[in-house]
Amino acid sequence: MKWNIKKTVFVACIGLVCIGIVGFKAADNRSFQIIKNLDIFNAVYKELDMFYVDSIDPGKVIQDGIEGMLSQTDPYTEYYPEDDNTIKEMTTGKFGGIGSYIQYYKAKDRIIISGPAEDSPAARAGLRIGDIILAVDGKDMIRGKDTPQVFSNKVSKNLRGEPGTVALIKIERPTLDGKGEIKEVKITRETIKTIPVPYYAMVTDSIGYINMSTFAVENCSKDLKKALIGLKEKGAQSFVIDLRNNGGGLLNEAVNCVNFFVPKNQEIVNTKGKTKAAMMTYKTENEPMDLDVPLAVLVNGETASASEIFSGSLQDLDRAVIVGNRTFGKGLVQTVRPLPYNSSMKVTTSKYYIPSGRCIQAIDYSNRNADGTIARVPDSLTNVFHTVAGREVRDGGGIRPDIEVKGEELPNIIFYLLNDYVIFDYATRYVLQHPIPAPLEDFQITDVDYADFKQFVKGRKFSYDRQSEAALKKLKDIAKFEGYADDAKDEFAALEKKLIHNLDRDLDYFKKDIKGAIASEVVKRYYFTKGTIVEQLKDDPDLKKAISILRDKEQYNYILRKK
C-alpha cells in the first residue's frame, strides 16, 4: 500500500500534536493552571458584576483580590495603583509636601502634627508638635468610618502635592487654659528629601559618632562621606556608625558606603533569583577613604536590609566590631516592575549573599504553617560560615553582633504613658510654660519638673494594666480549676496585697526611665530630630560599649583576630 505525500504530512502533524500535548502536560501543566484560574477569576467577576443584587466597586474588588494574592508571598511584594507615589518616594527619598510627620490623636479623634523636620516648610511656617489638623485647603479632616491608619493616610495625601503649590491648613493649637486656639497657616509645598545623616559629632576627643537613619536616598553615601571628613578634621581617629532603627534602602548605596573602608574591587553582595537579571554581583568601584581606621557599628532589631548589608559585610571582612542586638534579618531584594495604566509592583526577585556567602534572611515565607503563619528560622537550623579571618558567623537570622549589649526592657507603665499620650501632652504643656529652652547638651527634666509631671498624671486619672495583676488572676484561675484555690487562699491574699495598684510607687520606682522618655519628647519640640538623638545618647549602653572597645586597641584587635 502506497502512502501519498498528503497522508505522510497529515500523520506527521498528528504525531507532532500528540508529542506537543504530552510535552505540555509534562512540562507546562503549571502554565495551564495559571490560564485556567485566571479565566475562572475573570468569569467570577463578570458574574458578580452582572447578577449580584447590589453594585460593586470594580477598583476595590480587584484591589482586594490582588492583596489576597499577594498575601501568599512576603510583606515586601506590593502593588501600587496609579495615584500612589510610594515607589517614587522609596527609590529617591523625595516627595512634595510640607515636611512633617503626622499621627492619629485618639483624645480628639483627629490627626496631629507629630514632628516637623528642621528647616522644613512646616517648621518655617510655625507648625508645632501637638497642633491638631482641622482642615486642609478648605476640606474638613474628619475620620468618619475610616480606621485611624486609613484616616492618617488620607490626611497625608491631602498635605502632599506638587512642589510650589500652596496648602491652607486650619489647625487647633493647644493652650495652657485648655481651650485651644484656631489658626490658619499657608504653607508652600516643597520637594522634601529625607536626611540620611541627621546627626554627627565627636563623642570623645578622638572618637567620632555618625547617626545614619536610612539608605533610601539617592547618593546618601555622599552624606556619610561628608560626616567622615568633617569629623576627621575635628580629630576623629575612630568612628561609631549608628544604624539602629535604620530600615535600609538602596543596595548600591550600602555598597558605596562599605567602599569607604574596604579596597576597590572587593565583592560585597551577590544576588540570586529565578531570572538571569536577578543574578548580580556588586563590587566596590572606588578607592577607599581609610582602610585602617577602627570602626564600631551599632545595630538593633530594627536594623534591616541595606543596613544589614553594610554591617554584615564589614563583619564578614573583619573590618568593624558590631555592637548591640541581633538585626531584623531581611535578606530579600525587591525590583520595581511597571504595570498597565501607570500602576506598578514591587516584587521580591532575589536573595542577597554577603562576603562570607551567607544570606541573613530570618523568615522563610515559602514555608508556611497549616494556619498560614510563619516563623523565624530557628538557630539550630542555621549554617556556619566564616569571616576572612576565620571567625564563625551564621546565616538565617540577621546579623549577630560581636558584642551583644542587653538593654533594659521598657517598663510597662511607660508603654501606657506613651500609648495614652500622657507624656506627649505633658511635653506640649512643658513647652508652653518654657518658651526658651536650656542648651541641648545641658537639658534635663529636673526633680521639680518630675513632681509637676506626677500631678499632671494624677489629674488625667491615669490607670494602666499591670502584668503582675494579670498573671496573678490567671494563676488563681488555674489553681481554682485544679482544686488548689482553697488551700492557697491565704497566700493569694498576701500576694494580692503586695501587688495592689499604687501609682505613686510606680512613678517613683521607674522615675529614671520615665524622665528619660519625657526629656526625649520635650527636646524634639525645641531641637527636632537632632535633639532626640542627642538626648538618647546621654545614657546609651550601646554607645558606651562601642567607645570602650575603640579605646582598647588590644580588645578591638582580639575581636577581629587582627595581629
Protein backbone atom coordinates (compact mmCIF):
# COMPACT_ATOMS: atom_id res chain seq x y z
CA MET A 1 0.00 0.00 0.00
CA LYS A 2 1.39 3.34 -1.00
CA TRP A 3 1.27 6.47 1.14
CA ASN A 4 0.97 9.75 -0.69
CA ILE A 5 2.66 12.92 0.48
CA LYS A 6 -0.51 14.42 1.94
CA LYS A 7 -1.08 11.37 4.15
CA THR A 8 2.52 11.44 5.29
CA VAL A 9 2.29 15.12 6.22
CA PHE A 10 -1.04 14.55 7.99
CA VAL A 11 0.32 11.68 10.08
CA ALA A 12 3.44 13.69 10.91
CA CYS A 13 1.33 16.62 12.05
CA ILE A 14 -0.82 14.34 14.21
CA GLY A 15 2.36 12.94 15.71
CA LEU A 16 3.73 16.41 16.44
CA VAL A 17 0.45 17.46 18.02
CA CYS A 18 0.46 14.36 20.24
CA ILE A 19 4.06 15.00 21.23
CA GLY A 20 3.14 18.63 21.92
CA ILE A 21 0.21 17.61 24.12
CA VAL A 22 2.35 15.15 26.06
CA GLY A 23 5.07 17.78 26.42
CA PHE A 24 2.52 20.37 27.50
CA LYS A 25 1.12 18.04 30.16
CA ALA A 26 4.57 17.11 31.37
CA ALA A 27 6.27 20.47 31.30
CA ASP A 28 3.60 23.15 31.13
CA ASN A 29 0.87 21.93 33.44
CA ARG A 30 1.66 24.91 35.69
CA SER A 31 1.05 27.29 32.79
CA PHE A 32 -2.28 25.60 32.12
CA GLN A 33 -3.25 26.00 35.79
CA ILE A 34 -2.39 29.72 35.63
CA ILE A 35 -4.50 30.25 32.48
CA LYS A 36 -7.35 28.16 33.89
CA ASN A 37 -7.53 30.03 37.19
CA LEU A 38 -7.21 33.47 35.61
CA ASP A 39 -10.13 32.51 33.36
CA ILE A 40 -12.13 31.44 36.41
CA PHE A 41 -11.26 34.68 38.24
CA ASN A 42 -12.40 36.71 35.24
CA ALA A 43 -15.63 34.73 34.98
CA VAL A 44 -16.41 35.15 38.72
CA TYR A 45 -16.02 38.91 38.45
CA LYS A 46 -18.28 39.09 35.38
CA GLU A 47 -20.98 37.08 37.15
CA LEU A 48 -20.81 39.37 40.19
CA ASP A 49 -20.93 42.48 38.06
CA MET A 50 -23.92 41.29 36.05
CA PHE A 51 -26.06 39.46 38.61
CA TYR A 52 -25.11 40.48 42.18
CA VAL A 53 -28.04 42.30 43.79
CA ASP A 54 -26.02 45.45 44.63
CA SER A 55 -23.48 47.35 42.57
CA ILE A 56 -19.86 46.56 43.35
CA ASP A 57 -16.86 48.88 43.07
CA PRO A 58 -14.60 47.31 40.41
CA GLY A 59 -11.49 49.06 41.67
CA LYS A 60 -11.97 47.95 45.27
CA VAL A 61 -12.96 44.38 44.40
CA ILE A 62 -9.96 43.85 42.13
CA GLN A 63 -7.65 45.62 44.62
CA ASP A 64 -8.84 43.24 47.36
CA GLY A 65 -8.25 40.32 45.02
CA ILE A 66 -4.71 41.48 44.29
CA GLU A 67 -3.99 41.93 48.00
CA GLY A 68 -5.33 38.44 48.70
CA MET A 69 -2.99 37.04 46.04
CA LEU A 70 0.00 38.94 47.39
CA SER A 71 -0.74 37.76 50.94
CA GLN A 72 0.67 34.39 49.85
CA THR A 73 4.09 35.96 49.22
CA ASP A 74 6.15 38.16 51.57
CA PRO A 75 5.26 41.57 53.04
CA TYR A 76 7.70 43.32 50.69
CA THR A 77 5.92 42.32 47.47
CA GLU A 78 3.33 45.06 46.99
CA TYR A 79 1.04 46.56 44.36
CA TYR A 80 0.83 50.34 43.88
CA PRO A 81 -2.07 51.87 41.92
CA GLU A 82 -1.61 54.82 39.59
CA ASP A 83 -2.21 57.52 42.21
CA ASP A 84 0.23 56.06 44.78
CA ASN A 85 3.63 57.80 44.83
CA THR A 86 5.16 55.44 47.38
CA ILE A 87 7.54 53.81 44.88
CA LYS A 88 8.95 57.14 43.79
CA GLU A 89 9.50 58.19 47.39
CA MET A 90 11.10 54.86 48.32
CA THR A 91 13.58 54.90 45.42
CA THR A 92 14.54 58.59 45.58
CA GLY A 93 13.85 59.59 49.18
CA LYS A 94 11.99 62.66 47.83
CA PHE A 95 8.36 63.81 47.69
CA GLY A 96 6.37 67.02 47.53
CA GLY A 97 4.87 68.15 50.80
CA ILE A 98 5.14 70.28 53.94
CA GLY A 99 7.89 68.28 55.65
CA SER A 100 6.26 66.98 58.82
CA TYR A 101 5.29 63.69 60.41
CA ILE A 102 1.66 63.31 61.45
CA GLN A 103 -0.17 60.77 63.62
CA TYR A 104 -3.62 59.89 64.90
CA TYR A 105 -4.57 61.54 68.21
CA LYS A 106 -7.20 59.46 69.99
CA ALA A 107 -8.24 62.09 72.53
CA LYS A 108 -9.58 64.37 69.78
CA ASP A 109 -10.18 61.72 67.10
CA ARG A 110 -8.04 63.86 64.82
CA ILE A 111 -4.65 63.90 63.13
CA ILE A 112 -1.93 65.97 64.78
CA ILE A 113 1.47 67.31 63.82
CA SER A 114 3.99 64.99 65.48
CA GLY A 115 7.33 66.14 64.11
CA PRO A 116 8.11 68.96 61.67
CA ALA A 117 11.54 68.44 60.12
CA GLU A 118 14.13 71.10 60.84
CA ASP A 119 14.08 73.92 58.25
CA SER A 120 11.08 72.32 56.52
CA PRO A 121 8.15 74.35 55.10
CA ALA A 122 6.08 73.23 58.11
CA ALA A 123 8.71 74.38 60.62
CA ARG A 124 9.28 77.70 58.85
CA ALA A 125 5.53 78.33 58.79
CA GLY A 126 5.43 77.83 62.55
CA LEU A 127 3.64 74.48 62.83
CA ARG A 128 4.37 72.79 66.15
CA ILE A 129 4.15 69.31 67.56
CA GLY A 130 0.69 68.92 69.06
CA ASP A 131 -1.12 71.14 66.53
CA ILE A 132 -4.42 69.47 65.60
CA ILE A 133 -5.25 69.44 61.87
CA LEU A 134 -8.86 70.53 61.34
CA ALA A 135 -8.91 71.15 57.59
CA VAL A 136 -6.66 71.22 54.52
CA ASP A 137 -7.49 73.51 51.60
CA GLY A 138 -11.00 74.00 52.95
CA LYS A 139 -11.69 70.27 53.26
CA ASP A 140 -12.53 69.08 56.79
CA MET A 141 -10.20 66.34 58.00
CA ILE A 142 -12.73 64.14 59.83
CA ARG A 143 -12.20 60.41 60.42
CA GLY A 144 -15.75 59.17 59.88
CA LYS A 145 -15.79 55.38 59.50
CA ASP A 146 -12.14 55.12 58.49
CA THR A 147 -9.65 53.25 60.64
CA PRO A 148 -7.01 55.51 62.25
CA GLN A 149 -4.43 54.26 59.73
CA VAL A 150 -6.65 54.95 56.71
CA PHE A 151 -7.56 58.35 58.18
CA SER A 152 -3.88 59.21 58.65
CA ASN A 153 -3.11 58.19 55.06
CA LYS A 154 -5.98 60.34 53.78
CA VAL A 155 -4.75 63.44 55.62
CA SER A 156 -1.18 62.77 54.45
CA LYS A 157 -2.38 62.59 50.84
CA ASN A 158 -4.09 65.98 51.21
CA LEU A 159 -0.99 67.56 52.73
CA ARG A 160 1.24 66.34 49.91
CA GLY A 161 1.28 67.81 46.43
CA GLU A 162 3.39 69.28 43.70
CA PRO A 163 6.26 71.49 44.89
CA GLY A 164 5.30 75.16 44.60
CA THR A 165 1.61 74.66 45.36
CA VAL A 166 0.16 76.22 48.49
CA ALA A 167 -1.57 74.28 51.27
CA LEU A 168 -4.01 76.17 53.51
CA ILE A 169 -4.05 74.30 56.81
CA LYS A 170 -6.53 75.03 59.58
CA ILE A 171 -5.25 73.94 62.98
CA GLU A 172 -6.18 74.00 66.63
CA ARG A 173 -3.17 74.89 68.76
CA PRO A 174 -3.16 73.72 72.41
CA THR A 175 -3.14 76.46 75.05
CA LEU A 176 -2.46 76.43 78.76
CA ASP A 177 -6.12 77.13 79.58
CA GLY A 178 -7.12 74.03 77.58
CA LYS A 179 -9.45 75.94 75.24
CA GLY A 180 -7.16 75.83 72.20
CA GLU A 181 -6.52 78.50 69.58
CA ILE A 182 -7.75 78.22 65.97
CA LYS A 183 -5.24 79.27 63.32
CA GLU A 184 -4.94 79.11 59.53
CA VAL A 185 -1.47 78.59 58.12
CA LYS A 186 -0.38 78.90 54.49
CA ILE A 187 2.49 76.62 53.54
CA THR A 188 4.16 76.38 50.14
CA ARG A 189 4.92 72.76 49.42
CA GLU A 190 8.49 71.85 48.54
CA THR A 191 10.42 68.78 47.44
CA ILE A 192 11.08 67.06 50.75
CA LYS A 193 14.24 65.00 50.96
CA THR A 194 14.86 62.52 53.73
CA ILE A 195 18.06 63.34 55.61
CA PRO A 196 20.18 60.16 55.76
CA VAL A 197 22.68 61.52 58.30
CA PRO A 198 20.64 63.65 60.75
CA TYR A 199 23.47 64.00 63.30
CA TYR A 200 27.20 63.52 63.71
CA ALA A 201 29.61 64.78 66.36
CA MET A 202 32.69 63.98 68.42
CA VAL A 203 31.76 61.86 71.45
CA THR A 204 35.29 61.85 72.88
CA ASP A 205 38.40 63.78 71.91
CA SER A 206 39.28 61.09 69.34
CA ILE A 207 36.05 59.19 68.54
CA GLY A 208 33.50 60.44 66.04
CA TYR A 209 29.83 59.39 66.10
CA ILE A 210 27.62 59.25 62.98
CA ASN A 211 23.90 58.52 63.03
CA MET A 212 22.76 57.13 59.67
CA SER A 213 18.97 56.85 59.58
CA THR A 214 18.39 55.41 56.10
CA PHE A 215 19.94 54.21 52.85
CA ALA A 216 16.74 55.03 50.93
CA VAL A 217 18.11 58.24 49.44
CA GLU A 218 19.95 58.59 46.16
CA ASN A 219 23.63 59.42 46.79
CA CYS A 220 23.24 59.10 50.57
CA SER A 221 26.82 57.81 50.60
CA LYS A 222 27.88 61.41 49.96
CA ASP A 223 26.30 62.43 53.27
CA LEU A 224 28.25 59.73 55.09
CA LYS A 225 31.44 60.83 53.35
CA LYS A 226 30.82 64.44 54.38
CA ALA A 227 30.36 63.38 58.02
CA LEU A 228 33.53 61.27 57.96
CA ILE A 229 35.61 64.12 56.54
CA GLY A 230 34.10 66.66 58.94
CA LEU A 231 34.85 64.51 61.99
CA LYS A 232 38.38 63.70 60.81
CA GLU A 233 39.04 67.42 60.60
CA LYS A 234 37.95 67.63 64.26
CA GLY A 235 40.44 64.93 65.27
CA ALA A 236 38.48 61.70 64.92
CA GLN A 237 40.80 58.67 64.88
CA SER A 238 37.99 56.08 65.06
CA PHE A 239 34.26 56.05 64.37
CA VAL A 240 30.97 54.78 65.75
CA ILE A 241 28.38 54.40 62.99
CA ASP A 242 24.86 54.10 64.38
CA LEU A 243 22.49 52.01 62.21
CA ARG A 244 19.92 51.32 64.91
CA ASN A 245 16.37 51.65 63.57
CA ASN A 246 17.75 52.07 60.04
CA GLY A 247 15.33 50.08 57.89
CA GLY A 248 17.62 50.02 54.85
CA GLY A 249 17.02 51.29 51.34
CA LEU A 250 19.14 51.15 48.20
CA LEU A 251 21.51 48.20 47.89
CA ASN A 252 24.05 50.06 45.74
CA GLU A 253 24.24 52.87 48.31
CA ALA A 254 25.07 50.36 51.04
CA VAL A 255 27.88 49.03 48.82
CA ASN A 256 29.13 52.59 48.20
CA CYS A 257 29.23 53.23 51.95
CA VAL A 258 31.14 49.99 52.63
CA ASN A 259 33.59 51.12 49.94
CA PHE A 260 34.84 53.93 52.20
CA PHE A 261 36.51 51.31 54.40
CA VAL A 262 37.47 48.41 52.09
CA PRO A 263 39.59 48.14 48.92
CA LYS A 264 38.41 48.71 45.36
CA ASN A 265 37.06 45.60 43.53
CA GLN A 266 36.07 43.92 46.80
CA GLU A 267 32.99 41.74 46.34
CA ILE A 268 30.28 42.85 48.77
CA VAL A 269 26.99 41.31 47.64
CA ASN A 270 25.74 38.56 45.34
CA THR A 271 22.04 38.36 44.47
CA LYS A 272 20.40 35.13 43.33
CA GLY A 273 16.90 34.62 41.93
CA LYS A 274 14.88 32.87 39.21
CA THR A 275 15.97 35.00 36.28
CA LYS A 276 19.32 35.89 34.82
CA ALA A 277 18.63 39.56 35.55
CA ALA A 278 18.29 38.68 39.24
CA MET A 279 21.82 37.23 39.33
CA MET A 280 24.07 40.17 40.13
CA THR A 281 27.45 40.74 41.75
CA TYR A 282 28.19 44.05 43.45
CA LYS A 283 31.78 45.10 44.00
CA THR A 284 33.33 48.27 45.36
CA GLU A 285 34.22 50.60 42.48
CA ASN A 286 36.28 53.34 44.10
CA GLU A 287 39.44 53.79 46.10
CA PRO A 288 38.66 53.71 49.86
CA MET A 289 38.85 56.67 52.22
CA ASP A 290 40.58 54.76 55.04
CA LEU A 291 41.45 51.06 55.23
CA ASP A 292 42.70 51.12 58.82
CA VAL A 293 40.52 53.47 60.87
CA PRO A 294 38.88 51.49 63.73
CA LEU A 295 35.09 51.15 63.36
CA ALA A 296 32.23 50.14 65.62
CA VAL A 297 28.75 49.74 64.16
CA LEU A 298 25.65 49.92 66.36
CA VAL A 299 22.70 47.69 65.40
CA ASN A 300 19.39 46.52 66.85
CA GLY A 301 16.26 44.59 65.90
CA GLU A 302 15.12 47.37 63.57
CA THR A 303 18.37 47.39 61.59
CA ALA A 304 17.33 45.82 58.29
CA SER A 305 18.04 45.19 54.61
CA ALA A 306 20.70 47.58 53.22
CA SER A 307 21.77 48.32 56.80
CA GLU A 308 22.46 44.62 57.25
CA ILE A 309 24.48 44.58 54.03
CA PHE A 310 26.61 47.40 55.44
CA SER A 311 27.07 45.94 58.94
CA GLY A 312 27.22 42.30 57.78
CA SER A 313 29.81 42.99 55.07
CA LEU A 314 32.06 44.87 57.48
CA GLN A 315 31.71 41.94 59.90
CA ASP A 316 32.47 39.33 57.22
CA LEU A 317 35.53 41.29 56.13
CA ASP A 318 36.66 41.76 59.78
CA ARG A 319 36.57 45.49 59.19
CA ALA A 320 34.35 46.62 62.10
CA VAL A 321 33.15 45.45 65.51
CA ILE A 322 29.36 45.10 65.53
CA VAL A 323 27.74 46.18 68.82
CA GLY A 324 24.15 45.95 70.09
CA ASN A 325 21.44 43.39 69.39
CA ARG A 326 20.66 40.96 66.59
CA THR A 327 19.34 42.69 63.48
CA PHE A 328 15.99 42.17 61.77
CA GLY A 329 17.08 39.59 59.19
CA LYS A 330 15.91 40.82 55.77
CA GLY A 331 17.96 39.21 53.02
CA LEU A 332 15.48 39.81 50.21
CA VAL A 333 15.88 42.16 47.23
CA GLN A 334 12.94 43.90 45.57
CA THR A 335 12.61 45.14 41.99
CA VAL A 336 10.03 47.64 40.77
CA ARG A 337 8.03 46.32 37.80
CA PRO A 338 5.80 48.58 35.66
CA LEU A 339 2.17 47.53 35.18
CA PRO A 340 -0.62 48.81 32.88
CA TYR A 341 -2.29 52.18 33.49
CA ASN A 342 0.72 53.69 35.28
CA SER A 343 0.46 51.28 38.19
CA SER A 344 3.47 49.35 39.44
CA MET A 345 4.54 46.47 41.59
CA LYS A 346 7.44 45.93 43.94
CA VAL A 347 8.44 42.27 43.66
CA THR A 348 10.93 40.24 45.66
CA THR A 349 13.13 38.90 42.86
CA SER A 350 16.20 37.60 44.67
CA LYS A 351 18.05 36.98 47.91
CA TYR A 352 21.34 38.63 48.71
CA TYR A 353 24.50 36.99 49.99
CA ILE A 354 27.27 38.94 51.72
CA PRO A 355 31.07 38.24 51.51
CA SER A 356 31.14 35.11 53.70
CA GLY A 357 28.50 33.56 51.43
CA ARG A 358 25.66 33.72 53.95
CA CYS A 359 22.14 35.01 53.46
CA ILE A 360 20.79 36.58 56.64
CA GLN A 361 17.07 36.22 55.78
CA ALA A 362 15.37 35.24 59.04
CA ILE A 363 11.93 34.17 57.77
CA ASP A 364 11.18 31.62 55.06
CA TYR A 365 7.94 32.92 53.54
CA SER A 366 7.72 29.95 51.17
CA ASN A 367 7.16 27.52 54.06
CA ARG A 368 4.05 28.45 55.99
CA ASN A 369 2.36 26.56 58.80
CA ALA A 370 -1.03 24.95 58.24
CA ASP A 371 -2.75 28.04 59.67
CA GLY A 372 -0.82 30.33 57.33
CA THR A 373 1.54 31.66 59.98
CA ILE A 374 5.29 31.93 59.51
CA ALA A 375 8.21 31.83 61.91
CA ARG A 376 11.87 32.76 62.08
CA VAL A 377 14.43 30.15 61.13
CA PRO A 378 15.50 28.51 64.43
CA ASP A 379 19.18 28.84 65.33
CA SER A 380 19.51 25.06 65.27
CA LEU A 381 18.82 25.06 61.51
CA THR A 382 21.23 27.86 60.58
CA ASN A 383 24.57 27.19 58.93
CA VAL A 384 28.07 28.24 59.90
CA PHE A 385 30.12 30.48 57.61
CA HIS A 386 33.45 32.19 58.24
CA THR A 387 34.80 35.70 58.03
CA VAL A 388 38.06 36.46 56.22
CA ALA A 389 39.95 35.95 59.50
CA GLY A 390 38.15 32.66 60.19
CA ARG A 391 35.60 33.82 62.74
CA GLU A 392 32.33 31.89 62.79
CA VAL A 393 29.21 33.69 61.59
CA ARG A 394 25.78 32.23 60.83
CA ASP A 395 23.11 32.68 58.19
CA GLY A 396 19.34 32.74 58.54
CA GLY A 397 18.85 35.06 61.49
CA GLY A 398 20.06 38.58 60.86
CA ILE A 399 23.46 39.90 61.88
CA ARG A 400 24.51 38.70 65.32
CA PRO A 401 26.65 41.39 66.96
CA ASP A 402 30.24 40.67 68.01
CA ILE A 403 29.41 42.34 71.32
CA GLU A 404 25.82 41.96 72.49
CA VAL A 405 24.50 44.63 74.83
CA LYS A 406 21.34 43.66 76.64
CA GLY A 407 19.34 46.79 77.24
CA GLU A 408 16.71 47.11 79.93
CA GLU A 409 13.17 46.28 78.86
CA LEU A 410 10.71 49.15 78.65
CA PRO A 411 8.70 49.25 81.90
CA ASN A 412 5.02 48.52 81.41
CA ILE A 413 3.97 51.88 82.84
CA ILE A 414 5.98 53.77 80.20
CA PHE A 415 4.19 51.89 77.42
CA TYR A 416 0.85 53.13 78.74
CA LEU A 417 2.12 56.67 79.41
CA LEU A 418 3.21 56.83 75.77
CA ASN A 419 0.25 54.98 74.30
CA ASP A 420 -2.27 57.17 76.14
CA TYR A 421 -0.40 60.34 75.05
CA VAL A 422 0.25 61.34 78.68
CA ILE A 423 3.95 62.07 78.07
CA PHE A 424 3.12 63.67 74.70
CA ASP A 425 0.55 66.04 76.24
CA TYR A 426 2.82 66.90 79.16
CA ALA A 427 5.60 67.80 76.71
CA THR A 428 3.18 70.08 74.86
CA ARG A 429 2.34 71.84 78.12
CA TYR A 430 6.00 71.98 79.18
CA VAL A 431 6.96 73.86 76.01
CA LEU A 432 4.10 76.34 76.51
CA GLN A 433 5.43 77.01 80.03
CA HIS A 434 9.08 77.14 78.92
CA PRO A 435 9.29 79.06 75.61
CA ILE A 436 13.07 79.43 75.94
CA PRO A 437 14.83 76.07 76.33
CA ALA A 438 18.08 75.21 78.03
CA PRO A 439 21.02 74.41 75.71
CA LEU A 440 20.59 70.94 74.22
CA GLU A 441 23.66 69.40 75.89
CA ASP A 442 22.53 70.71 79.30
CA PHE A 443 18.83 69.97 79.03
CA GLN A 444 17.27 67.78 81.70
CA ILE A 445 13.96 67.09 83.37
CA THR A 446 14.54 68.25 86.94
CA ASP A 447 13.02 66.78 90.09
CA VAL A 448 10.74 69.83 90.23
CA ASP A 449 9.60 69.10 86.67
CA TYR A 450 9.01 65.47 87.58
CA ALA A 451 6.90 66.40 90.60
CA ASP A 452 4.83 68.56 88.26
CA PHE A 453 4.54 65.62 85.86
CA LYS A 454 3.24 63.36 88.65
CA GLN A 455 0.49 65.85 89.41
CA PHE A 456 -0.30 66.04 85.69
CA VAL A 457 -0.63 62.25 85.52
CA LYS A 458 -2.97 62.15 88.52
CA GLY A 459 -5.05 64.94 87.01
CA ARG A 460 -5.54 62.76 83.94
CA LYS A 461 -6.93 59.97 86.14
CA PHE A 462 -4.36 57.72 84.51
CA SER A 463 -4.55 53.98 85.07
CA TYR A 464 -2.95 51.03 83.39
CA ASP A 465 -2.99 47.26 83.30
CA ARG A 466 -0.11 45.71 85.19
CA GLN A 467 1.27 42.38 84.04
CA SER A 468 1.71 41.18 87.62
CA GLU A 469 -2.01 41.63 88.32
CA ALA A 470 -2.95 39.84 85.09
CA ALA A 471 -0.55 36.97 85.88
CA LEU A 472 -1.92 36.65 89.43
CA LYS A 473 -5.50 36.47 88.17
CA LYS A 474 -4.52 33.77 85.68
CA LEU A 475 -2.71 31.81 88.42
CA LYS A 476 -5.78 32.00 90.68
CA ASP A 477 -7.99 30.73 87.84
CA ILE A 478 -5.62 27.80 87.24
CA ALA A 479 -5.49 26.99 90.97
CA LYS A 480 -9.29 27.03 91.10
CA PHE A 481 -9.51 24.74 88.07
CA GLU A 482 -7.04 22.27 89.60
CA GLY A 483 -8.62 22.39 93.05
CA TYR A 484 -5.86 24.24 94.94
CA ALA A 485 -7.62 27.61 95.39
CA ASP A 486 -8.86 26.99 98.94
CA ASP A 487 -5.51 25.64 100.17
CA ALA A 488 -3.66 28.67 98.76
CA LYS A 489 -6.27 31.23 99.77
CA ASP A 490 -4.13 32.97 102.40
CA GLU A 491 -1.05 33.03 100.16
CA PHE A 492 -3.05 34.55 97.32
CA ALA A 493 -4.47 37.22 99.64
CA ALA A 494 -0.98 38.15 100.90
CA LEU A 495 0.40 38.35 97.37
CA GLU A 496 -2.58 40.38 96.17
CA LYS A 497 -1.96 42.86 98.99
CA LYS A 498 1.67 43.29 97.96
CA LEU A 499 0.71 43.82 94.31
CA ILE A 500 -2.05 46.35 95.00
CA HIS A 501 -2.09 49.17 92.43
CA ASN A 502 -0.02 52.12 93.70
CA LEU A 503 0.55 54.82 91.06
CA ASP A 504 2.79 56.94 93.32
CA ARG A 505 5.04 53.97 94.00
CA ASP A 506 5.29 53.05 90.30
CA LEU A 507 6.04 56.62 89.21
CA ASP A 508 8.83 56.82 91.78
CA TYR A 509 10.21 53.34 91.10
CA PHE A 510 10.54 53.97 87.34
CA LYS A 511 11.47 57.63 87.73
CA LYS A 512 14.74 57.45 85.79
CA ASP A 513 13.19 55.73 82.75
CA ILE A 514 10.14 57.98 82.72
CA LYS A 515 12.26 61.15 83.00
CA GLY A 516 14.26 59.94 80.01
CA ALA A 517 11.08 59.41 77.96
CA ILE A 518 9.81 62.87 78.89
CA ALA A 519 13.12 64.50 78.01
CA SER A 520 13.20 62.84 74.57
CA GLU A 521 9.69 64.07 73.81
CA VAL A 522 10.39 67.60 75.02
CA VAL A 523 13.72 68.23 73.26
CA LYS A 524 12.22 67.10 69.94
CA ARG A 525 9.95 70.15 70.13
CA TYR A 526 12.88 72.52 70.59
CA TYR A 527 15.66 70.82 68.62
CA PHE A 528 13.89 68.47 66.17
CA THR A 529 15.37 65.05 65.33
CA LYS A 530 18.85 66.13 66.34
CA GLY A 531 17.58 66.88 69.83
CA THR A 532 16.07 63.43 70.27
CA ILE A 533 19.29 61.74 69.16
CA VAL A 534 21.49 63.82 71.48
CA GLU A 535 19.17 63.23 74.43
CA GLN A 536 19.10 59.47 73.92
CA LEU A 537 22.89 59.30 73.60
CA LYS A 538 23.38 60.83 77.06
CA ASP A 539 22.91 57.45 78.74
CA ASP A 540 23.29 54.93 75.92
CA PRO A 541 24.74 51.50 76.86
CA ASP A 542 25.47 50.57 73.22
CA LEU A 543 27.46 53.75 72.65
CA LYS A 544 29.32 53.32 75.93
CA LYS A 545 30.34 49.79 74.96
CA ALA A 546 31.43 50.90 71.48
CA ILE A 547 33.58 53.69 72.95
CA SER A 548 35.23 51.31 75.41
CA ILE A 549 36.10 48.87 72.60
CA LEU A 550 37.52 51.59 70.36
CA ARG A 551 39.61 52.90 73.24
CA ASP A 552 41.02 49.43 73.95
CA LYS A 553 43.12 48.64 70.87
CA GLU A 554 44.11 45.23 72.22
CA GLN A 555 40.48 44.15 72.72
CA TYR A 556 39.46 45.59 69.34
CA ASN A 557 42.20 43.63 67.55
CA TYR A 558 41.38 40.47 69.53
CA ILE A 559 37.71 40.58 68.49
CA LEU A 560 38.63 40.98 64.82
CA ARG A 561 41.51 38.49 65.02
CA LYS A 562 43.99 41.15 64.00
CA LYS A 563 47.67 40.72 64.84
